[in-house]
Amino acid sequence: WRLWPVALRGAGLACAAFGVLVGALARETRTALLAALMLALPLIFMGLFTQSEMASTLSEATPFGPAFRVFQTLIVEPTVDTGRLWARIGQLMLLATVFGVAASVALRRRSGE
């Protein structure tokens, strides 16, 4: 139970950074909302069902796949492999950092126009 707050924060930060990046790349609010929905829904689906190699690779590069696997590990598995779980949480933190930096760069470029 002690790992739940860490997992929730990691998944929340990664998904929020992804959303900020999509919003920073869009010019208007309506465009950002539509782009976020058009991107998130297929990516969530690929994160849940990763039978193909391409879907598996793409789901690892977005926060939805690793977050799903972290929560699946915490809920379903009777014995939690903490090393693998911390690796997934670390992957979420890395994705949050990468998307956050990319969003920051996009916002700076946009405000400099």
PDB file of N, CA and C in Angstrom:
ATOM      1  N   TRP A   1       0.819  -1.198   0.000  1.00  0.00           N
ATOM      2  CA  TRP A   1       0.000   0.000   0.000  1.00  0.00           C
ATOM      3  C   TRP A   1       0.858   1.255   0.000  1.00  0.00           C
ATOM      4  N   ARG A   2       2.092   1.126   0.451  1.00  0.00           N
ATOM      5  CA  ARG A   2       2.949   2.313   0.494  1.00  0.00           C
ATOM      6  C   ARG A   2       3.374   2.780  -0.895  1.00  0.00           C
ATOM      7  N   LEU A   3       3.260   1.894  -1.886  1.00  0.00           N
ATOM      8  CA  LEU A   3       3.676   2.256  -3.239  1.00  0.00           C
ATOM      9  C   LEU A   3       2.571   2.953  -4.029  1.00  0.00           C
ATOM     10  N   TRP A   4       1.344   2.877  -3.555  1.00  0.00           N
ATOM     11  CA  TRP A   4       0.231   3.484  -4.285  1.00  0.00           C
ATOM     12  C   TRP A   4       0.384   4.996  -4.469  1.00  0.00           C
ATOM     13  N   PRO A   5       0.693   5.773  -3.424  1.00  0.00           N
ATOM     14  CA  PRO A   5       0.836   7.227  -3.651  1.00  0.00           C
ATOM     15  C   PRO A   5       1.936   7.569  -4.647  1.00  0.00           C
ATOM     16  N   VAL A   6       3.035   6.827  -4.610  1.00  0.00           N
ATOM     17  CA  VAL A   6       4.130   7.071  -5.552  1.00  0.00           C
ATOM     18  C   VAL A   6       3.682   6.742  -6.972  1.00  0.00           C
ATOM     19  N   ALA A   7       2.986   5.620  -7.139  1.00  0.00           N
ATOM     20  CA  ALA A   7       2.506   5.217  -8.461  1.00  0.00           C
ATOM     21  C   ALA A   7       1.478   6.212  -8.999  1.00  0.00           C
ATOM     22  N   LEU A   8       0.571   6.662  -8.151  1.00  0.00           N
ATOM     23  CA  LEU A   8      -0.441   7.628  -8.587  1.00  0.00           C
ATOM     24  C   LEU A   8       0.185   8.965  -8.978  1.00  0.00           C
ATOM     25  N   ARG A   9       1.146   9.414  -8.204  1.00  0.00           N
ATOM     26  CA  ARG A   9       1.812  10.679  -8.534  1.00  0.00           C
ATOM     27  C   ARG A   9       2.617  10.559  -9.820  1.00  0.00           C
ATOM     28  N   GLY A  10       3.304   9.444  -9.993  1.00  0.00           N
ATOM     29  CA  GLY A  10       4.085   9.248 -11.215  1.00  0.00           C
ATOM     30  C   GLY A  10       3.211   9.212 -12.447  1.00  0.00           C
ATOM     31  N   ALA A  11       2.117   8.465 -12.380  1.00  0.00           N
ATOM     32  CA  ALA A  11       1.204   8.388 -13.522  1.00  0.00           C
ATOM     33  C   ALA A  11       0.546   9.740 -13.771  1.00  0.00           C
ATOM     34  N   GLY A  12       0.168  10.423 -12.709  1.00  0.00           N
ATOM     35  CA  GLY A  12      -0.460  11.735 -12.860  1.00  0.00           C
ATOM     36  C   GLY A  12       0.480  12.761 -13.476  1.00  0.00           C
ATOM     37  N   LEU A  13       1.725  12.776 -13.028  1.00  0.00           N
ATOM     38  CA  LEU A  13       2.694  13.718 -13.583  1.00  0.00           C
ATOM     39  C   LEU A  13       2.976  13.431 -15.055  1.00  0.00           C
ATOM     40  N   ALA A  14       3.122  12.154 -15.396  1.00  0.00           N
ATOM     41  CA  ALA A  14       3.423  11.809 -16.786  1.00  0.00           C
ATOM     42  C   ALA A  14       2.252  12.155 -17.705  1.00  0.00           C
ATOM     43  N   CYS A  15       1.038  11.832 -17.291  1.00  0.00           N
ATOM     44  CA  CYS A  15      -0.135  12.146 -18.114  1.00  0.00           C
ATOM     45  C   CYS A  15      -0.361  13.650 -18.195  1.00  0.00           C
ATOM     46  N   ALA A  16      -0.126  14.358 -17.107  1.00  0.00           N
ATOM     47  CA  ALA A  16      -0.286  15.814 -17.120  1.00  0.00           C
ATOM     48  C   ALA A  16       0.747  16.470 -18.024  1.00  0.00           C
ATOM     49  N   ALA A  17       1.987  16.003 -17.981  1.00  0.00           N
ATOM     50  CA  ALA A  17       3.023  16.567 -18.843  1.00  0.00           C
ATOM     51  C   ALA A  17       2.709  16.303 -20.314  1.00  0.00           C
ATOM     52  N   PHE A  18       2.152  15.132 -20.614  1.00  0.00           N
ATOM     53  CA  PHE A  18       1.734  14.826 -21.983  1.00  0.00           C
ATOM     54  C   PHE A  18       0.631  15.791 -22.418  1.00  0.00           C
ATOM     55  N   GLY A  19      -0.322  16.049 -21.540  1.00  0.00           N
ATOM     56  CA  GLY A  19      -1.402  16.980 -21.849  1.00  0.00           C
ATOM     57  C   GLY A  19      -0.911  18.402 -22.035  1.00  0.00           C
ATOM     58  N   VAL A  20       0.045  18.815 -21.221  1.00  0.00           N
ATOM     59  CA  VAL A  20       0.603  20.162 -21.365  1.00  0.00           C
ATOM     60  C   VAL A  20       1.348  20.281 -22.689  1.00  0.00           C
ATOM     61  N   LEU A  21       2.048  19.227 -23.079  1.00  0.00           N
ATOM     62  CA  LEU A  21       2.745  19.249 -24.366  1.00  0.00           C
ATOM     63  C   LEU A  21       1.758  19.374 -25.523  1.00  0.00           C
ATOM     64  N   VAL A  22       0.684  18.616 -25.486  1.00  0.00           N
ATOM     65  CA  VAL A  22      -0.328  18.714 -26.544  1.00  0.00           C
ATOM     66  C   VAL A  22      -0.931  20.122 -26.552  1.00  0.00           C
ATOM     67  N   GLY A  23      -1.228  20.656 -25.385  1.00  0.00           N
ATOM     68  CA  GLY A  23      -1.779  22.002 -25.305  1.00  0.00           C
ATOM     69  C   GLY A  23      -0.806  23.070 -25.765  1.00  0.00           C
ATOM     70  N   ALA A  24       0.479  22.865 -25.506  1.00  0.00           N
ATOM     71  CA  ALA A  24       1.482  23.841 -25.921  1.00  0.00           C
ATOM     72  C   ALA A  24       1.688  23.832 -27.431  1.00  0.00           C
ATOM     73  N   LEU A  25       1.533  22.675 -28.040  1.00  0.00           N
ATOM     74  CA  LEU A  25       1.717  22.585 -29.486  1.00  0.00           C
ATOM     75  C   LEU A  25       0.508  23.094 -30.258  1.00  0.00           C
ATOM     76  N   ALA A  26      -0.658  23.082 -29.641  1.00  0.00           N
ATOM     77  CA  ALA A  26      -1.867  23.584 -30.304  1.00  0.00           C
ATOM     78  C   ALA A  26      -1.947  25.100 -30.115  1.00  0.00           C
ATOM     79  N   ARG A  27      -2.558  25.749 -31.051  1.00  0.00           N
ATOM     80  CA  ARG A  27      -2.640  27.208 -30.991  1.00  0.00           C
ATOM     81  C   ARG A  27      -3.862  27.707 -30.216  1.00  0.00           C
ATOM     82  N   GLU A  28      -4.951  26.970 -30.275  1.00  0.00           N
ATOM     83  CA  GLU A  28      -6.192  27.404 -29.627  1.00  0.00           C
ATOM     84  C   GLU A  28      -6.667  26.350 -28.647  1.00  0.00           C
ATOM     85  N   THR A  29      -7.554  26.753 -27.761  1.00  0.00           N
ATOM     86  CA  THR A  29      -8.072  25.844 -26.749  1.00  0.00           C
ATOM     87  C   THR A  29      -8.881  24.713 -27.361  1.00  0.00           C
ATOM     88  N   ARG A  30      -9.728  25.033 -28.300  1.00  0.00           N
ATOM     89  CA  ARG A  30     -10.543  23.986 -28.943  1.00  0.00           C
ATOM     90  C   ARG A  30      -9.666  22.991 -29.701  1.00  0.00           C
ATOM     91  N   THR A  31      -8.652  23.507 -30.361  1.00  0.00           N
ATOM     92  CA  THR A  31      -7.731  22.635 -31.084  1.00  0.00           C
ATOM     93  C   THR A  31      -6.984  21.732 -30.124  1.00  0.00           C
ATOM     94  N   ALA A  32      -6.564  22.274 -28.986  1.00  0.00           N
ATOM     95  CA  ALA A  32      -5.843  21.477 -27.998  1.00  0.00           C
ATOM     96  C   ALA A  32      -6.730  20.372 -27.437  1.00  0.00           C
ATOM     97  N   LEU A  33      -7.982  20.677 -27.164  1.00  0.00           N
ATOM     98  CA  LEU A  33      -8.901  19.677 -26.636  1.00  0.00           C
ATOM     99  C   LEU A  33      -9.150  18.565 -27.645  1.00  0.00           C
ATOM    100  N   LEU A  34      -9.394  18.947 -28.878  1.00  0.00           N
ATOM    101  CA  LEU A  34      -9.632  17.960 -29.926  1.00  0.00           C
ATOM    102  C   LEU A  34      -8.390  17.111 -30.167  1.00  0.00           C
ATOM    103  N   ALA A  35      -7.224  17.738 -30.205  1.00  0.00           N
ATOM    104  CA  ALA A  35      -5.979  16.993 -30.416  1.00  0.00           C
ATOM    105  C   ALA A  35      -5.704  16.042 -29.259  1.00  0.00           C
ATOM    106  N   ALA A  36      -5.978  16.487 -28.033  1.00  0.00           N
ATOM    107  CA  ALA A  36      -5.755  15.615 -26.871  1.00  0.00           C
ATOM    108  C   ALA A  36      -6.657  14.392 -26.928  1.00  0.00           C
ATOM    109  N   LEU A  37      -7.913  14.586 -27.284  1.00  0.00           N
ATOM    110  CA  LEU A  37      -8.822  13.441 -27.399  1.00  0.00           C
ATOM    111  C   LEU A  37      -8.425  12.516 -28.539  1.00  0.00           C
ATOM    112  N   MET A  38      -8.055  13.102 -29.663  1.00  0.00           N
ATOM    113  CA  MET A  38      -7.681  12.286 -30.817  1.00  0.00           C
ATOM    114  C   MET A  38      -6.392  11.517 -30.577  1.00  0.00           C
ATOM    115  N   LEU A  39      -5.508  12.037 -29.762  1.00  0.00           N
ATOM    116  CA  LEU A  39      -4.261  11.338 -29.446  1.00  0.00           C
ATOM    117  C   LEU A  39      -4.425  10.358 -28.292  1.00  0.00           C
ATOM    118  N   ALA A  40      -5.110  10.782 -27.249  1.00  0.00           N
ATOM    119  CA  ALA A  40      -5.165   9.978 -26.026  1.00  0.00           C
ATOM    120  C   ALA A  40      -5.961   8.694 -26.188  1.00  0.00           C
ATOM    121  N   LEU A  41      -7.092   8.756 -26.847  1.00  0.00           N
ATOM    122  CA  LEU A  41      -7.931   7.558 -26.951  1.00  0.00           C
ATOM    123  C   LEU A  41      -7.237   6.393 -27.661  1.00  0.00           C
ATOM    124  N   PRO A  42      -6.645   6.590 -28.832  1.00  0.00           N
ATOM    125  CA  PRO A  42      -5.929   5.462 -29.437  1.00  0.00           C
ATOM    126  C   PRO A  42      -4.707   5.017 -28.640  1.00  0.00           C
ATOM    127  N   LEU A  43      -4.013   5.976 -28.010  1.00  0.00           N
ATOM    128  CA  LEU A  43      -2.826   5.612 -27.236  1.00  0.00           C
ATOM    129  C   LEU A  43      -3.197   4.811 -25.993  1.00  0.00           C
ATOM    130  N   ILE A  44      -4.311   5.141 -25.374  1.00  0.00           N
ATOM    131  CA  ILE A  44      -4.776   4.355 -24.229  1.00  0.00           C
ATOM    132  C   ILE A  44      -5.139   2.950 -24.684  1.00  0.00           C
ATOM    133  N   PHE A  45      -5.804   2.846 -25.814  1.00  0.00           N
ATOM    134  CA  PHE A  45      -6.165   1.531 -26.349  1.00  0.00           C
ATOM    135  C   PHE A  45      -4.917   0.702 -26.631  1.00  0.00           C
ATOM    136  N   MET A  46      -3.887   1.328 -27.223  1.00  0.00           N
ATOM    137  CA  MET A  46      -2.648   0.604 -27.495  1.00  0.00           C
ATOM    138  C   MET A  46      -1.922   0.219 -26.208  1.00  0.00           C
ATOM    139  N   GLY A  47      -2.060   1.038 -25.183  1.00  0.00           N
ATOM    140  CA  GLY A  47      -1.449   0.696 -23.897  1.00  0.00           C
ATOM    141  C   GLY A  47      -2.098  -0.517 -23.249  1.00  0.00           C
ATOM    142  N   LEU A  48      -3.378  -0.694 -23.491  1.00  0.00           N
ATOM    143  CA  LEU A  48      -4.088  -1.831 -22.901  1.00  0.00           C
ATOM    144  C   LEU A  48      -3.901  -3.111 -23.692  1.00  0.00           C
ATOM    145  N   PHE A  49      -3.866  -3.016 -25.000  1.00  0.00           N
ATOM    146  CA  PHE A  49      -3.785  -4.195 -25.861  1.00  0.00           C
ATOM    147  C   PHE A  49      -2.536  -4.098 -26.723  1.00  0.00           C
ATOM    148  N   THR A  50      -1.453  -4.650 -26.247  1.00  0.00           N
ATOM    149  CA  THR A  50      -0.169  -4.526 -26.938  1.00  0.00           C
ATOM    150  C   THR A  50       0.270  -5.861 -27.516  1.00  0.00           C
ATOM    151  N   GLN A  51      -0.507  -6.419 -28.439  1.00  0.00           N
ATOM    152  CA  GLN A  51      -0.119  -7.676 -29.061  1.00  0.00           C
ATOM    153  C   GLN A  51       0.917  -7.464 -30.161  1.00  0.00           C
ATOM    154  N   SER A  52       0.836  -6.386 -30.886  1.00  0.00           N
ATOM    155  CA  SER A  52       1.790  -6.163 -31.974  1.00  0.00           C
ATOM    156  C   SER A  52       3.032  -5.443 -31.435  1.00  0.00           C
ATOM    157  N   GLU A  53       4.120  -5.592 -32.152  1.00  0.00           N
ATOM    158  CA  GLU A  53       5.385  -4.974 -31.745  1.00  0.00           C
ATOM    159  C   GLU A  53       5.301  -3.449 -31.805  1.00  0.00           C
ATOM    160  N   MET A  54       4.652  -2.921 -32.851  1.00  0.00           N
ATOM    161  CA  MET A  54       4.540  -1.473 -32.995  1.00  0.00           C
ATOM    162  C   MET A  54       3.705  -0.867 -31.866  1.00  0.00           C
ATOM    163  N   ALA A  55       2.592  -1.510 -31.540  1.00  0.00           N
ATOM    164  CA  ALA A  55       1.743  -1.001 -30.465  1.00  0.00           C
ATOM    165  C   ALA A  55       2.471  -1.066 -29.126  1.00  0.00           C
ATOM    166  N   SER A  56       3.234  -2.121 -28.906  1.00  0.00           N
ATOM    167  CA  SER A  56       3.982  -2.246 -27.660  1.00  0.00           C
ATOM    168  C   SER A  56       5.043  -1.155 -27.538  1.00  0.00           C
ATOM    169  N   THR A  57       5.757  -0.888 -28.624  1.00  0.00           N
ATOM    170  CA  THR A  57       6.786   0.151 -28.614  1.00  0.00           C
ATOM    171  C   THR A  57       6.163   1.525 -28.415  1.00  0.00           C
ATOM    172  N   LEU A  58       5.065   1.784 -29.095  1.00  0.00           N
ATOM    173  CA  LEU A  58       4.402   3.083 -28.966  1.00  0.00           C
ATOM    174  C   LEU A  58       3.817   3.275 -27.573  1.00  0.00           C
ATOM    175  N   SER A  59       3.297   2.210 -26.982  1.00  0.00           N
ATOM    176  CA  SER A  59       2.720   2.346 -25.646  1.00  0.00           C
ATOM    177  C   SER A  59       3.791   2.584 -24.588  1.00  0.00           C
ATOM    178  N   GLU A  60       5.009   2.155 -24.842  1.00  0.00           N
ATOM    179  CA  GLU A  60       6.100   2.415 -23.896  1.00  0.00           C
ATOM    180  C   GLU A  60       6.593   3.857 -23.975  1.00  0.00           C
ATOM    181  N   ALA A  61       6.346   4.531 -25.105  1.00  0.00           N
ATOM    182  CA  ALA A  61       6.799   5.904 -25.282  1.00  0.00           C
ATOM    183  C   ALA A  61       5.765   6.926 -24.822  1.00  0.00           C
ATOM    184  N   THR A  62       4.611   6.467 -24.400  1.00  0.00           N
ATOM    185  CA  THR A  62       3.577   7.350 -23.875  1.00  0.00           C
ATOM    186  C   THR A  62       3.305   6.956 -22.421  1.00  0.00           C
ATOM    187  N   PRO A  63       2.735   7.831 -21.632  1.00  0.00           N
ATOM    188  CA  PRO A  63       2.536   7.494 -20.218  1.00  0.00           C
ATOM    189  C   PRO A  63       1.443   6.473 -19.950  1.00  0.00           C
ATOM    190  N   PHE A  64       0.589   6.195 -20.908  1.00  0.00           N
ATOM    191  CA  PHE A  64      -0.564   5.340 -20.648  1.00  0.00           C
ATOM    192  C   PHE A  64      -0.178   3.878 -20.466  1.00  0.00           C
ATOM    193  N   GLY A  65       0.725   3.375 -21.271  1.00  0.00           N
ATOM    194  CA  GLY A  65       1.146   1.974 -21.163  1.00  0.00           C
ATOM    195  C   GLY A  65       1.855   1.664 -19.857  1.00  0.00           C
ATOM    196  N   PRO A  66       2.919   2.419 -19.504  1.00  0.00           N
ATOM    197  CA  PRO A  66       3.585   2.159 -18.232  1.00  0.00           C
ATOM    198  C   PRO A  66       2.680   2.355 -17.011  1.00  0.00           C
ATOM    199  N   ALA A  67       1.795   3.357 -17.067  1.00  0.00           N
ATOM    200  CA  ALA A  67       0.876   3.565 -15.941  1.00  0.00           C
ATOM    201  C   ALA A  67      -0.066   2.373 -15.788  1.00  0.00           C
ATOM    202  N   PHE A  68      -0.558   1.855 -16.910  1.00  0.00           N
ATOM    203  CA  PHE A  68      -1.426   0.680 -16.859  1.00  0.00           C
ATOM    204  C   PHE A  68      -0.695  -0.504 -16.243  1.00  0.00           C
ATOM    205  N   ARG A  69       0.574  -0.705 -16.641  1.00  0.00           N
ATOM    206  CA  ARG A  69       1.324  -1.841 -16.110  1.00  0.00           C
ATOM    207  C   ARG A  69       1.653  -1.680 -14.622  1.00  0.00           C
ATOM    208  N   VAL A  70       1.890  -0.448 -14.182  1.00  0.00           N
ATOM    209  CA  VAL A  70       2.125  -0.213 -12.757  1.00  0.00           C
ATOM    210  C   VAL A  70       0.877  -0.560 -11.953  1.00  0.00           C
ATOM    211  N   PHE A  71      -0.262  -0.082 -12.390  1.00  0.00           N
ATOM    212  CA  PHE A  71      -1.501  -0.349 -11.660  1.00  0.00           C
ATOM    213  C   PHE A  71      -1.901  -1.815 -11.762  1.00  0.00           C
ATOM    214  N   GLN A  72      -1.634  -2.433 -12.888  1.00  0.00           N
ATOM    215  CA  GLN A  72      -1.912  -3.861 -13.027  1.00  0.00           C
ATOM    216  C   GLN A  72      -1.047  -4.662 -12.059  1.00  0.00           C
ATOM    217  N   THR A  73       0.202  -4.279 -11.922  1.00  0.00           N
ATOM    218  CA  THR A  73       1.090  -4.959 -10.978  1.00  0.00           C
ATOM    219  C   THR A  73       0.598  -4.789  -9.552  1.00  0.00           C
ATOM    220  N   LEU A  74       0.183  -3.586  -9.197  1.00  0.00           N
ATOM    221  CA  LEU A  74      -0.262  -3.327  -7.821  1.00  0.00           C
ATOM    222  C   LEU A  74      -1.596  -4.006  -7.505  1.00  0.00           C
ATOM    223  N   ILE A  75      -2.459  -4.154  -8.492  1.00  0.00           N
ATOM    224  CA  ILE A  75      -3.788  -4.699  -8.231  1.00  0.00           C
ATOM    225  C   ILE A  75      -3.835  -6.211  -8.400  1.00  0.00           C
ATOM    226  N   VAL A  76      -3.254  -6.722  -9.469  1.00  0.00           N
ATOM    227  CA  VAL A  76      -3.479  -8.114  -9.853  1.00  0.00           C
ATOM    228  C   VAL A  76      -2.470  -9.081  -9.257  1.00  0.00           C
ATOM    229  N   GLU A  77      -1.200  -8.730  -9.280  1.00  0.00           N
ATOM    230  CA  GLU A  77      -0.171  -9.689  -8.894  1.00  0.00           C
ATOM    231  C   GLU A  77      -0.139  -9.881  -7.382  1.00  0.00           C
ATOM    232  N   PRO A  78      -0.142 -11.134  -6.943  1.00  0.00           N
ATOM    233  CA  PRO A  78      -0.149 -11.397  -5.502  1.00  0.00           C
ATOM    234  C   PRO A  78       1.173 -11.013  -4.832  1.00  0.00           C
ATOM    235  N   THR A  79       2.279 -11.234  -5.510  1.00  0.00           N
ATOM    236  CA  THR A  79       3.579 -10.818  -4.975  1.00  0.00           C
ATOM    237  C   THR A  79       4.149  -9.778  -5.918  1.00  0.00           C
ATOM    238  N   VAL A  80       4.468  -8.622  -5.385  1.00  0.00           N
ATOM    239  CA  VAL A  80       4.923  -7.508  -6.200  1.00  0.00           C
ATOM    240  C   VAL A  80       6.448  -7.566  -6.297  1.00  0.00           C
ATOM    241  N   ASP A  81       6.944  -7.595  -7.524  1.00  0.00           N
ATOM    242  CA  ASP A  81       8.378  -7.499  -7.775  1.00  0.00           C
ATOM    243  C   ASP A  81       8.737  -6.014  -7.712  1.00  0.00           C
ATOM    244  N   THR A  82       9.275  -5.580  -6.582  1.00  0.00           N
ATOM    245  CA  THR A  82       9.495  -4.148  -6.372  1.00  0.00           C
ATOM    246  C   THR A  82      10.522  -3.570  -7.335  1.00  0.00           C
ATOM    247  N   GLY A  83      11.491  -4.367  -7.757  1.00  0.00           N
ATOM    248  CA  GLY A  83      12.477  -3.866  -8.713  1.00  0.00           C
ATOM    249  C   GLY A  83      11.835  -3.494 -10.034  1.00  0.00           C
ATOM    250  N   ARG A  84      10.986  -4.379 -10.539  1.00  0.00           N
ATOM    251  CA  ARG A  84      10.292  -4.111 -11.801  1.00  0.00           C
ATOM    252  C   ARG A  84       9.302  -2.960 -11.645  1.00  0.00           C
ATOM    253  N   LEU A  85       8.651  -2.899 -10.485  1.00  0.00           N
ATOM    254  CA  LEU A  85       7.688  -1.821 -10.244  1.00  0.00           C
ATOM    255  C   LEU A  85       8.389  -0.471 -10.185  1.00  0.00           C
ATOM    256  N   TRP A  86       9.526  -0.388  -9.505  1.00  0.00           N
ATOM    257  CA  TRP A  86      10.268   0.863  -9.435  1.00  0.00           C
ATOM    258  C   TRP A  86      10.822   1.260 -10.797  1.00  0.00           C
ATOM    259  N   ALA A  87      11.150   0.257 -11.627  1.00  0.00           N
ATOM    260  CA  ALA A  87      11.605   0.568 -12.987  1.00  0.00           C
ATOM    261  C   ALA A  87      10.472   1.214 -13.787  1.00  0.00           C
ATOM    262  N   ARG A  88       9.260   0.701 -13.642  1.00  0.00           N
ATOM    263  CA  ARG A  88       8.106   1.294 -14.338  1.00  0.00           C
ATOM    264  C   ARG A  88       7.801   2.697 -13.812  1.00  0.00           C
ATOM    265  N   ILE A  89       7.879   2.876 -12.505  1.00  0.00           N
ATOM    266  CA  ILE A  89       7.649   4.213 -11.936  1.00  0.00           C
ATOM    267  C   ILE A  89       8.735   5.169 -12.402  1.00  0.00           C
ATOM    268  N   GLY A  90       9.967   4.690 -12.476  1.00  0.00           N
ATOM    269  CA  GLY A  90      11.054   5.506 -13.020  1.00  0.00           C
ATOM    270  C   GLY A  90      10.826   5.868 -14.471  1.00  0.00           C
ATOM    271  N   GLN A  91      10.269   4.934 -15.237  1.00  0.00           N
ATOM    272  CA  GLN A  91       9.935   5.217 -16.629  1.00  0.00           C
ATOM    273  C   GLN A  91       8.869   6.306 -16.709  1.00  0.00           C
ATOM    274  N   LEU A  92       7.890   6.257 -15.810  1.00  0.00           N
ATOM    275  CA  LEU A  92       6.867   7.308 -15.777  1.00  0.00           C
ATOM    276  C   LEU A  92       7.486   8.666 -15.447  1.00  0.00           C
ATOM    277  N   MET A  93       8.406   8.690 -14.489  1.00  0.00           N
ATOM    278  CA  MET A  93       9.059   9.949 -14.131  1.00  0.00           C
ATOM    279  C   MET A  93       9.918  10.472 -15.281  1.00  0.00           C
ATOM    280  N   LEU A  94      10.579   9.566 -15.998  1.00  0.00           N
ATOM    281  CA  LEU A  94      11.368   9.972 -17.160  1.00  0.00           C
ATOM    282  C   LEU A  94      10.474  10.551 -18.249  1.00  0.00           C
ATOM    283  N   LEU A  95       9.341   9.897 -18.509  1.00  0.00           N
ATOM    284  CA  LEU A  95       8.401  10.421 -19.497  1.00  0.00           C
ATOM    285  C   LEU A  95       7.854  11.778 -19.071  1.00  0.00           C
ATOM    286  N   ALA A  96       7.563  11.946 -17.781  1.00  0.00           N
ATOM    287  CA  ALA A  96       7.077  13.236 -17.283  1.00  0.00           C
ATOM    288  C   ALA A  96       8.125  14.318 -17.499  1.00  0.00           C
ATOM    289  N   THR A  97       9.379  13.988 -17.268  1.00  0.00           N
ATOM    290  CA  THR A  97      10.461  14.959 -17.460  1.00  0.00           C
ATOM    291  C   THR A  97      10.618  15.317 -18.933  1.00  0.00           C
ATOM    292  N   VAL A  98      10.635  14.317 -19.792  1.00  0.00           N
ATOM    293  CA  VAL A  98      10.809  14.568 -21.230  1.00  0.00           C
ATOM    294  C   VAL A  98       9.645  15.389 -21.785  1.00  0.00           C
ATOM    295  N   PHE A  99       8.415  14.994 -21.451  1.00  0.00           N
ATOM    296  CA  PHE A  99       7.260  15.743 -21.954  1.00  0.00           C
ATOM    297  C   PHE A  99       7.205  17.135 -21.341  1.00  0.00           C
ATOM    298  N   GLY A 100       7.585  17.274 -20.080  1.00  0.00           N
ATOM    299  CA  GLY A 100       7.596  18.588 -19.443  1.00  0.00           C
ATOM    300  C   GLY A 100       8.612  19.527 -20.065  1.00  0.00           C
ATOM    301  N   VAL A 101       9.803  19.024 -20.357  1.00  0.00           N
ATOM    302  CA  VAL A 101      10.828  19.851 -21.004  1.00  0.00           C
ATOM    303  C   VAL A 101      10.394  20.221 -22.420  1.00  0.00           C
ATOM    304  N   ALA A 102       9.831  19.269 -23.152  1.00  0.00           N
ATOM    305  CA  ALA A 102       9.358  19.558 -24.503  1.00  0.00           C
ATOM    306  C   ALA A 102       8.237  20.593 -24.483  1.00  0.00           C
ATOM    307  N   ALA A 103       7.336  20.498 -23.510  1.00  0.00           N
ATOM    308  CA  ALA A 103       6.259  21.492 -23.390  1.00  0.00           C
ATOM    309  C   ALA A 103       6.820  22.860 -23.040  1.00  0.00           C
ATOM    310  N   SER A 104       7.825  22.887 -22.184  1.00  0.00           N
ATOM    311  CA  SER A 104       8.447  24.156 -21.821  1.00  0.00           C
ATOM    312  C   SER A 104       9.103  24.820 -23.029  1.00  0.00           C
ATOM    313  N   VAL A 105       9.791  24.026 -23.837  1.00  0.00           N
ATOM    314  CA  VAL A 105      10.414  24.555 -25.054  1.00  0.00           C
ATOM    315  C   VAL A 105       9.337  25.053 -26.016  1.00  0.00           C
ATOM    316  N   ALA A 106       8.267  24.293 -26.178  1.00  0.00           N
ATOM    317  CA  ALA A 106       7.192  24.701 -27.084  1.00  0.00           C
ATOM    318  C   ALA A 106       6.528  25.989 -26.602  1.00  0.00           C
ATOM    319  N   LEU A 107       6.330  26.123 -25.298  1.00  0.00           N
ATOM    320  CA  LEU A 107       5.715  27.347 -24.775  1.00  0.00           C
ATOM    321  C   LEU A 107       6.632  28.547 -24.935  1.00  0.00           C
ATOM    322  N   ARG A 108       7.929  28.362 -24.744  1.00  0.00           N
ATOM    323  CA  ARG A 108       8.872  29.477 -24.925  1.00  0.00           C
ATOM    324  C   ARG A 108       8.905  29.930 -26.375  1.00  0.00           C
ATOM    325  N   ARG A 109       8.905  28.977 -27.291  1.00  0.00           N
ATOM    326  CA  ARG A 109       8.896  29.341 -28.718  1.00  0.00           C
ATOM    327  C   ARG A 109       7.611  30.055 -29.093  1.00  0.00           C
ATOM    328  N   ARG A 110       6.529  29.585 -28.519  1.00  0.00           N
ATOM    329  CA  ARG A 110       5.226  30.181 -28.837  1.00  0.00           C
ATOM    330  C   ARG A 110       5.109  31.594 -28.273  1.00  0.00           C
ATOM    331  N   SER A 111       5.617  31.812 -27.068  1.00  0.00           N
ATOM    332  CA  SER A 111       5.540  33.155 -26.478  1.00  0.00           C
ATOM    333  C   SER A 111       6.540  34.118 -27.124  1.00  0.00           C
ATOM    334  N   GLY A 112       7.564  33.572 -27.769  1.00  0.00           N
ATOM    335  CA  GLY A 112       8.548  34.420 -28.451  1.00  0.00           C
ATOM    336  C   GLY A 112       8.104  34.874 -29.816  1.00  0.00           C
ATOM    337  N   GLU A 113       7.020  34.319 -30.338  1.00  0.00           N
ATOM    338  CA  GLU A 113       6.544  34.697 -31.674  1.00  0.00           C
ATOM    339  C   GLU A 113       5.961  36.078 -31.693  1.00  0.00           C
TER     340      GLU A 113
END
